[in-house]
Amino acid sequence: MTQEIELSREAPFAQPLIRDDELSLDENPHGLPIKLPPELLRVIFEEVALSFPDAKARNHTLFNLLLTSRDLHHEARRLLYRDVTFAHNTFVAGQISDALHAGAARYVRSLRVENFDVDAVRRGSFDNTHFSHLPLNRMDGLRSLTLFGPWIADVSEVSEFLTSAIPVNSLLKFHAVMALSDALLSFLQQQNNIQFLSLRGFDHHSTTSLRSRQLMPKLKRLTLTYITNDDKFKELVEERPIIVFQTNSLFQVPEYWSAFAPRLQALDICSMMVGTHYSAQILENVGRTAVNLRLFACLEITFYPDAVPQTMPAMFHALRHLPRLEALSVSFAAASVGQLDVMTIPDVVSTSSHLKSIFVRQRPLPGHEDQAITRELQYDSRNGWTASRRDGMTTKDWFELSLRKLDIAYA
């Protein structure tokens, strides 16, 4: 399966405005015709694209290849517009918009919209830097839509626009800083192929039931920043085959958690920051209910070295109930780092013979982020547990990589 190229959070390299009928040279600079089988050419271009982790550098290279010859034009253009970052109301957005209207819209597979707000969908704007100006109805290959911007309280106008603009049942992924309201539900009811859904939480005034089996019947991965309504949470998760769940708010475990948890193969609560008292309580609850977890990104535990002994990793003994666990992350935040013996963690939690990776992040309290220590403990039958530095890697990065390695509904 072809790997997805991660999108840059910065404004992308200015996309070239070239229409389908405006192809470039027929020959390479040396005058020799390029004739490669299409399937081989596609493999080559995929490898070229994957060799550039930086989106801007990748786009520059693809742009140069696009102008080299007629034979290279199609594949270069296909990859150049496969993953688009559209920063609403910027100069580069206008260039991207013109190119998409010129024929490149059919290549788009994922679209990330930055600076998104209600103004981005208001009709009547002919400004090509405006999100509503994009030819969304011609993006037949669009599979992923991310709307990144400030919190939107009233999503009725946004939902109405998306319902009319996005082709029915086209999306596999939808991510937005919005609450699940009756208005947004009207859009999601037209996208029954969605497998990955990320929202802020639930609208308190929503009245429509989420129990229908026809609503997102293929949903495998759910992210809710906040769980604010136990009843709505229950309605959403009970009829859908969700196996990956991410949240920042497992403090008050929902009433329906005990019935939902056994279905999970991966759980991410690493954005939670709690003290030692509450962390032990939450870990015990997870260990006794989410018994089929294979991947667990644990919460971040805060403590003060003078008050907590160096044997604090013993609290992870609560995870002894997870016999299928293969990968675990733990994180500590304290006034100083380095005093914990992290090599004691495997002895505490590795009652599972499947556990092979433990990602450990130790960081000081805010103000000294440069002192963070990040390591991965890995197990093999020959050497046992060994530790390797993972400088620069976040827990979120490790979780996504682990989903891919374990083949669990990865994005």
Protein backbone atom coordinates (compact mmCIF):
# COMPACT_ATOMS: atom_id res chain seq x y z
CA MET A 1 0.00 0.00 0.00
CA THR A 2 1.42 3.37 -0.91
CA GLN A 3 2.39 5.40 2.10
CA GLU A 4 0.76 8.76 2.63
CA ILE A 5 3.01 11.80 2.61
CA GLU A 6 2.56 13.84 5.75
CA LEU A 7 1.34 17.36 5.19
CA SER A 8 3.43 20.34 6.24
CA ARG A 9 1.75 22.63 8.75
CA GLU A 10 3.44 25.57 7.03
CA ALA A 11 2.19 27.23 3.87
CA PRO A 12 3.17 24.95 0.94
CA PHE A 13 5.39 25.79 -2.00
CA ALA A 14 3.45 27.80 -4.57
CA GLN A 15 1.78 25.27 -6.85
CA PRO A 16 2.28 25.86 -10.61
CA LEU A 17 -0.63 26.97 -12.75
CA ILE A 18 -0.52 24.58 -15.72
CA ARG A 19 -3.66 23.44 -17.49
CA ASP A 20 -4.14 19.92 -18.76
CA ASP A 21 -3.53 21.07 -22.32
CA GLU A 22 -0.43 23.12 -21.50
CA LEU A 23 2.14 20.33 -21.37
CA SER A 24 5.83 21.05 -21.49
CA LEU A 25 8.74 19.71 -23.55
CA ASP A 26 8.51 16.40 -25.36
CA GLU A 27 12.14 15.59 -24.74
CA ASN A 28 14.61 15.86 -21.91
CA PRO A 29 17.38 18.54 -21.96
CA HIS A 30 19.71 16.20 -23.87
CA GLY A 31 17.22 15.66 -26.67
CA LEU A 32 16.62 11.99 -25.93
CA PRO A 33 12.97 10.89 -25.73
CA ILE A 34 11.91 9.38 -22.41
CA LYS A 35 9.90 6.22 -22.89
CA LEU A 36 9.31 4.19 -19.75
CA PRO A 37 6.39 1.88 -19.00
CA PRO A 38 3.71 3.87 -17.11
CA GLU A 39 3.73 1.46 -14.16
CA LEU A 40 7.50 1.81 -13.76
CA LEU A 41 7.30 5.58 -14.05
CA ARG A 42 4.69 5.66 -11.29
CA VAL A 43 6.87 3.59 -8.96
CA ILE A 44 9.83 5.90 -9.60
CA PHE A 45 7.81 9.00 -8.82
CA GLU A 46 6.38 7.49 -5.64
CA GLU A 47 9.91 6.76 -4.44
CA VAL A 48 11.02 10.30 -5.32
CA ALA A 49 8.11 11.75 -3.36
CA LEU A 50 8.76 9.55 -0.32
CA SER A 51 12.45 10.54 -0.25
CA PHE A 52 11.57 14.11 0.79
CA PRO A 53 10.17 14.40 4.34
CA ASP A 54 9.91 18.17 3.87
CA ALA A 55 6.82 19.13 1.85
CA LYS A 56 8.34 22.28 0.32
CA ALA A 57 11.46 20.51 -0.92
CA ARG A 58 9.32 17.71 -2.33
CA ASN A 59 7.09 20.14 -4.20
CA HIS A 60 10.07 21.99 -5.68
CA THR A 61 11.44 18.70 -7.02
CA LEU A 62 8.09 17.60 -8.43
CA PHE A 63 7.63 21.02 -10.04
CA ASN A 64 11.00 20.74 -11.80
CA LEU A 65 10.16 17.23 -13.00
CA LEU A 66 6.79 18.44 -14.22
CA LEU A 67 8.51 20.90 -16.58
CA THR A 68 11.07 18.39 -17.88
CA SER A 69 9.01 16.50 -20.45
CA ARG A 70 5.54 15.50 -21.54
CA ASP A 71 6.19 11.94 -20.33
CA LEU A 72 6.99 13.09 -16.80
CA HIS A 73 4.30 15.75 -16.60
CA HIS A 74 1.32 13.61 -15.61
CA GLU A 75 2.96 11.69 -12.74
CA ALA A 76 4.67 14.80 -11.36
CA ARG A 77 1.43 16.76 -11.44
CA ARG A 78 -0.53 13.92 -9.87
CA LEU A 79 1.79 13.81 -6.87
CA LEU A 80 2.16 17.58 -6.63
CA TYR A 81 -1.56 17.97 -6.03
CA ARG A 82 -2.29 14.71 -4.23
CA ASP A 83 -1.87 16.26 -0.77
CA VAL A 84 -2.78 19.93 -0.69
CA THR A 85 -2.43 22.40 2.18
CA PHE A 86 -4.65 25.42 1.52
CA ALA A 87 -3.99 28.33 3.91
CA HIS A 88 -7.24 30.27 3.58
CA ASN A 89 -6.95 33.93 2.59
CA THR A 90 -3.23 33.90 1.71
CA PHE A 91 -1.37 34.67 -1.52
CA VAL A 92 -0.27 31.06 -2.01
CA ALA A 93 -3.91 29.97 -1.61
CA GLY A 94 -4.78 31.97 -4.71
CA GLN A 95 -2.14 30.16 -6.77
CA ILE A 96 -3.35 26.77 -5.55
CA SER A 97 -6.96 27.69 -6.29
CA ASP A 98 -6.12 28.75 -9.86
CA ALA A 99 -4.26 25.50 -10.47
CA LEU A 100 -7.11 23.39 -9.11
CA HIS A 101 -9.60 25.22 -11.34
CA ALA A 102 -7.23 24.63 -14.27
CA GLY A 103 -7.65 20.86 -13.98
CA ALA A 104 -5.58 19.76 -10.99
CA ALA A 105 -8.64 19.24 -8.76
CA ARG A 106 -9.00 15.67 -10.03
CA TYR A 107 -5.63 14.74 -8.46
CA VAL A 108 -6.48 15.86 -4.91
CA ARG A 109 -6.70 13.04 -2.37
CA SER A 110 -6.22 14.97 0.88
CA LEU A 111 -7.00 18.62 1.58
CA ARG A 112 -5.89 20.44 4.72
CA VAL A 113 -7.41 23.89 5.17
CA GLU A 114 -5.60 26.23 7.54
CA ASN A 115 -6.92 29.53 8.97
CA PHE A 116 -10.38 27.99 8.66
CA ASP A 117 -13.34 29.79 10.22
CA VAL A 118 -16.98 30.56 9.39
CA ASP A 119 -15.90 33.29 6.97
CA ALA A 120 -14.15 30.63 4.86
CA VAL A 121 -17.48 29.22 3.65
CA ARG A 122 -19.59 32.34 3.21
CA ARG A 123 -20.92 32.48 -0.30
CA GLY A 124 -20.63 35.37 -2.72
CA SER A 125 -16.86 35.63 -2.54
CA PHE A 126 -15.05 35.57 -5.88
CA ASP A 127 -11.65 35.90 -4.23
CA ASN A 128 -9.50 32.94 -5.30
CA THR A 129 -7.81 32.91 -1.88
CA HIS A 130 -11.15 31.93 -0.31
CA PHE A 131 -11.90 28.31 0.62
CA SER A 132 -15.41 28.52 -0.81
CA HIS A 133 -13.88 29.32 -4.22
CA LEU A 134 -12.24 25.88 -4.48
CA PRO A 135 -13.77 23.42 -7.00
CA LEU A 136 -14.65 20.89 -4.28
CA ASN A 137 -17.38 19.32 -6.42
CA ARG A 138 -14.70 18.33 -8.96
CA MET A 139 -12.48 16.60 -6.40
CA ASP A 140 -13.86 13.15 -7.10
CA GLY A 141 -10.77 11.57 -5.55
CA LEU A 142 -10.94 13.55 -2.29
CA ARG A 143 -10.62 11.13 0.61
CA SER A 144 -9.35 13.25 3.52
CA LEU A 145 -10.52 16.70 4.66
CA THR A 146 -8.98 18.59 7.58
CA LEU A 147 -10.36 21.96 8.71
CA PHE A 148 -7.79 23.53 11.02
CA GLY A 149 -8.49 26.83 12.75
CA PRO A 150 -10.15 28.41 15.78
CA TRP A 151 -13.04 26.82 17.63
CA ILE A 152 -16.36 27.26 15.78
CA ALA A 153 -19.36 27.33 18.10
CA ASP A 154 -22.14 27.52 15.50
CA VAL A 155 -21.36 25.12 12.64
CA SER A 156 -24.70 25.37 10.82
CA GLU A 157 -23.35 27.55 8.00
CA VAL A 158 -20.23 25.42 7.64
CA SER A 159 -22.25 22.20 7.60
CA GLU A 160 -24.63 23.51 4.96
CA PHE A 161 -21.73 24.45 2.71
CA LEU A 162 -19.92 21.12 3.14
CA THR A 163 -23.10 19.16 2.47
CA SER A 164 -23.60 20.93 -0.85
CA ALA A 165 -19.93 21.03 -1.92
CA ILE A 166 -18.35 17.67 -0.98
CA PRO A 167 -19.33 14.68 -3.16
CA VAL A 168 -21.51 12.15 -1.34
CA ASN A 169 -19.70 9.20 0.29
CA SER A 170 -16.29 10.40 -0.90
CA LEU A 171 -14.47 10.99 2.41
CA LEU A 172 -12.61 8.36 4.40
CA LYS A 173 -11.27 10.91 6.93
CA PHE A 174 -12.76 14.06 8.40
CA HIS A 175 -11.03 16.22 11.00
CA ALA A 176 -12.35 19.53 12.33
CA VAL A 177 -12.28 21.72 15.43
CA MET A 178 -16.04 21.48 15.83
CA ALA A 179 -18.59 19.83 18.08
CA LEU A 180 -20.86 17.09 16.79
CA SER A 181 -24.15 18.97 16.43
CA ASP A 182 -27.41 18.30 14.60
CA ALA A 183 -26.17 20.58 11.81
CA LEU A 184 -22.85 18.77 11.36
CA LEU A 185 -24.65 15.45 11.52
CA SER A 186 -26.51 16.35 8.31
CA PHE A 187 -23.14 16.42 6.55
CA LEU A 188 -21.80 13.24 8.17
CA GLN A 189 -24.95 11.35 7.19
CA GLN A 190 -23.87 11.82 3.56
CA GLN A 191 -20.38 10.44 4.23
CA ASN A 192 -20.94 6.81 5.14
CA ASN A 193 -17.47 5.70 4.05
CA ILE A 194 -15.74 7.65 6.82
CA GLN A 195 -13.27 5.49 8.72
CA PHE A 196 -11.42 8.20 10.70
CA LEU A 197 -13.29 10.98 12.51
CA SER A 198 -11.80 13.72 14.69
CA LEU A 199 -13.97 16.30 16.44
CA ARG A 200 -13.83 18.49 19.53
CA GLY A 201 -16.72 16.81 21.35
CA PHE A 202 -20.51 16.98 21.47
CA ASP A 203 -22.87 19.90 21.18
CA HIS A 204 -24.94 20.26 24.35
CA HIS A 205 -28.06 21.22 22.41
CA SER A 206 -27.99 18.29 19.96
CA THR A 207 -31.18 16.23 19.96
CA THR A 208 -30.75 13.85 17.01
CA SER A 209 -29.98 10.25 17.97
CA LEU A 210 -26.60 8.83 16.91
CA ARG A 211 -27.69 5.20 17.23
CA SER A 212 -28.48 4.62 13.55
CA ARG A 213 -26.39 1.83 12.04
CA GLN A 214 -26.46 3.70 8.74
CA LEU A 215 -24.42 6.55 10.25
CA MET A 216 -20.70 6.05 9.48
CA PRO A 217 -20.96 2.24 9.60
CA LYS A 218 -17.24 1.86 8.74
CA LEU A 219 -15.85 4.13 11.47
CA LYS A 220 -12.68 2.54 12.87
CA ARG A 221 -10.86 5.45 14.46
CA LEU A 222 -12.42 8.16 16.63
CA THR A 223 -10.82 11.22 18.21
CA LEU A 224 -12.83 13.32 20.65
CA THR A 225 -10.85 16.07 22.32
CA TYR A 226 -13.37 16.25 25.14
CA ILE A 227 -16.05 13.78 26.26
CA THR A 228 -18.74 16.17 27.45
CA ASN A 229 -21.88 14.06 27.13
CA ASP A 230 -21.98 10.45 28.31
CA ASP A 231 -25.27 9.72 26.55
CA LYS A 232 -24.11 11.03 23.17
CA PHE A 233 -20.81 9.19 23.57
CA LYS A 234 -22.73 5.99 24.20
CA GLU A 235 -24.94 6.51 21.14
CA LEU A 236 -21.94 7.23 18.89
CA VAL A 237 -19.70 4.31 19.84
CA GLU A 238 -22.16 1.48 20.45
CA GLU A 239 -23.05 0.75 16.81
CA ARG A 240 -19.73 1.49 15.11
CA PRO A 241 -16.67 -0.80 14.74
CA ILE A 242 -14.24 1.60 16.46
CA ILE A 243 -10.89 0.02 17.37
CA VAL A 244 -8.75 3.17 17.86
CA PHE A 245 -9.81 5.88 20.30
CA GLN A 246 -8.02 9.13 21.20
CA THR A 247 -9.12 11.67 23.80
CA ASN A 248 -7.81 14.29 26.22
CA SER A 249 -10.52 13.78 28.83
CA LEU A 250 -10.71 10.34 30.36
CA PHE A 251 -10.89 11.87 33.86
CA GLN A 252 -14.57 11.13 34.27
CA VAL A 253 -14.80 7.81 32.50
CA PRO A 254 -18.11 7.71 30.62
CA GLU A 255 -20.81 5.42 31.88
CA TYR A 256 -20.61 3.40 28.67
CA TRP A 257 -16.83 2.99 28.81
CA SER A 258 -16.86 -0.51 30.30
CA ALA A 259 -18.88 -1.89 27.37
CA PHE A 260 -16.98 0.04 24.70
CA ALA A 261 -13.43 -0.48 26.01
CA PRO A 262 -13.08 -4.23 25.23
CA ARG A 263 -13.39 -3.51 21.50
CA LEU A 264 -10.38 -1.23 21.45
CA GLN A 265 -7.04 -2.30 20.03
CA ALA A 266 -5.38 1.11 20.43
CA LEU A 267 -5.96 3.89 22.98
CA ASP A 268 -4.27 7.29 23.07
CA ILE A 269 -4.67 9.48 26.16
CA CYS A 270 -1.14 10.89 26.11
CA SER A 271 -2.39 14.50 26.01
CA MET A 272 -3.80 14.12 29.53
CA MET A 273 -1.61 15.49 32.31
CA VAL A 274 -2.54 14.28 35.79
CA GLY A 275 -0.98 13.80 39.20
CA THR A 276 0.04 10.45 40.64
CA HIS A 277 -3.19 9.93 42.62
CA TYR A 278 -5.56 10.20 39.66
CA SER A 279 -3.19 8.47 37.25
CA ALA A 280 -3.21 5.26 39.28
CA GLN A 281 -7.01 5.30 39.32
CA ILE A 282 -7.26 5.82 35.54
CA LEU A 283 -4.64 3.18 34.76
CA GLU A 284 -6.46 0.64 36.93
CA ASN A 285 -9.70 1.36 35.08
CA VAL A 286 -8.05 0.99 31.66
CA GLY A 287 -6.27 -2.19 32.68
CA ARG A 288 -9.48 -3.85 33.85
CA THR A 289 -11.73 -2.81 30.94
CA ALA A 290 -9.73 -2.30 27.73
CA VAL A 291 -8.42 -5.84 27.97
CA ASN A 292 -7.76 -6.29 24.24
CA LEU A 293 -5.43 -3.31 23.81
CA ARG A 294 -2.39 -3.91 21.63
CA LEU A 295 -1.21 -0.28 21.69
CA PHE A 296 -1.54 2.17 24.57
CA ALA A 297 -0.25 5.76 24.65
CA CYS A 298 -0.53 6.44 28.36
CA LEU A 299 -1.28 9.74 30.10
CA GLU A 300 1.48 12.08 31.32
CA ILE A 301 2.14 11.81 35.04
CA THR A 302 3.25 14.90 36.96
CA PHE A 303 5.10 14.68 40.26
CA TYR A 304 7.73 16.28 42.48
CA PRO A 305 10.85 14.20 43.15
CA ASP A 306 10.88 14.99 46.88
CA ALA A 307 7.35 13.62 47.28
CA VAL A 308 7.43 10.56 45.04
CA PRO A 309 9.97 7.71 45.30
CA GLN A 310 12.11 6.65 42.38
CA THR A 311 10.13 3.41 42.23
CA MET A 312 7.09 5.32 40.93
CA PRO A 313 6.98 3.23 37.70
CA ALA A 314 5.47 0.52 39.91
CA MET A 315 2.09 2.19 39.41
CA PHE A 316 2.08 0.71 35.88
CA HIS A 317 1.48 -2.66 37.48
CA ALA A 318 -2.19 -1.81 36.88
CA LEU A 319 -1.57 -2.70 33.23
CA ARG A 320 -0.92 -6.34 34.10
CA HIS A 321 -4.45 -7.11 32.89
CA LEU A 322 -3.55 -6.37 29.24
CA PRO A 323 -2.29 -9.72 27.89
CA ARG A 324 -2.23 -8.61 24.24
CA LEU A 325 -0.28 -5.37 24.76
CA GLU A 326 2.51 -4.98 22.18
CA ALA A 327 3.49 -1.31 22.46
CA LEU A 328 3.23 1.13 25.37
CA SER A 329 4.20 4.76 25.92
CA VAL A 330 4.69 6.38 29.31
CA SER A 331 5.46 10.01 30.07
CA PHE A 332 6.62 11.86 33.16
CA ALA A 333 6.75 15.59 33.92
CA ALA A 334 8.64 16.80 36.97
CA ALA A 335 10.75 19.64 38.30
CA SER A 336 13.79 17.73 37.03
CA VAL A 337 14.28 14.69 34.83
CA GLY A 338 16.59 11.71 34.79
CA GLN A 339 16.13 10.42 38.35
CA LEU A 340 13.77 7.58 37.46
CA ASP A 341 15.10 4.15 36.57
CA VAL A 342 13.00 3.58 33.44
CA MET A 343 14.49 0.12 32.93
CA THR A 344 12.29 -1.06 35.79
CA ILE A 345 9.15 -0.40 33.73
CA PRO A 346 9.36 -3.62 31.62
CA ASP A 347 9.52 -5.73 34.80
CA VAL A 348 6.36 -4.06 36.05
CA VAL A 349 4.17 -4.25 32.95
CA SER A 350 5.55 -7.03 30.75
CA THR A 351 3.27 -9.78 31.95
CA SER A 352 2.35 -9.91 28.26
CA SER A 353 4.75 -11.92 26.14
CA HIS A 354 3.78 -9.70 23.21
CA LEU A 355 5.18 -6.44 24.65
CA LYS A 356 8.16 -5.38 22.52
CA SER A 357 8.23 -1.57 22.64
CA ILE A 358 7.99 0.98 25.48
CA PHE A 359 8.34 4.64 24.55
CA VAL A 360 9.45 6.75 27.53
CA ARG A 361 9.36 10.53 27.60
CA GLN A 362 10.66 12.44 30.61
CA ARG A 363 10.39 16.19 30.56
CA PRO A 364 10.73 19.00 33.07
CA LEU A 365 7.83 21.23 33.94
CA PRO A 366 7.15 24.10 31.46
CA GLY A 367 10.08 26.39 30.82
CA HIS A 368 12.79 23.74 30.30
CA GLU A 369 11.55 21.73 27.32
CA ASP A 370 15.09 21.48 25.90
CA GLN A 371 15.96 19.13 28.78
CA ALA A 372 13.44 16.46 27.78
CA ILE A 373 14.74 12.89 27.57
CA THR A 374 13.10 10.57 25.04
CA ARG A 375 13.93 6.89 24.75
CA GLU A 376 12.44 3.70 23.38
CA LEU A 377 12.92 0.44 25.21
CA GLN A 378 12.83 -2.50 22.82
CA TYR A 379 12.85 -6.21 23.45
CA ASP A 380 14.28 -9.10 21.48
CA SER A 381 14.85 -12.67 22.58
CA ARG A 382 18.63 -12.40 22.22
CA ASN A 383 19.43 -9.16 24.04
CA GLY A 384 16.38 -8.66 26.23
CA TRP A 385 15.37 -5.04 26.86
CA THR A 386 17.63 -2.31 25.49
CA ALA A 387 17.19 1.48 25.42
CA SER A 388 17.74 3.80 22.44
CA ARG A 389 17.47 7.59 22.28
CA ARG A 390 14.59 8.99 20.22
CA ASP A 391 15.46 12.67 20.23
CA GLY A 392 12.86 14.85 18.53
CA MET A 393 10.15 12.19 18.47
CA THR A 394 6.88 13.01 20.21
CA THR A 395 4.50 10.51 21.73
CA LYS A 396 2.01 11.34 18.97
CA ASP A 397 4.65 10.53 16.34
CA TRP A 398 5.43 7.23 18.05
CA PHE A 399 1.72 6.34 18.29
CA GLU A 400 1.15 6.91 14.56
CA LEU A 401 4.26 4.92 13.69
CA SER A 402 3.16 2.09 15.97
CA LEU A 403 -0.31 1.98 14.39
CA ARG A 404 1.36 1.49 11.03
CA LYS A 405 3.76 -1.18 12.32
CA LEU A 406 0.93 -3.11 13.97
CA ASP A 407 -1.44 -2.53 11.04
CA ILE A 408 -4.16 -1.04 13.23
CA ALA A 409 -6.32 1.44 11.28
CA TYR A 410 -3.41 3.77 10.61
CA ALA A 411 -3.94 7.09 8.85
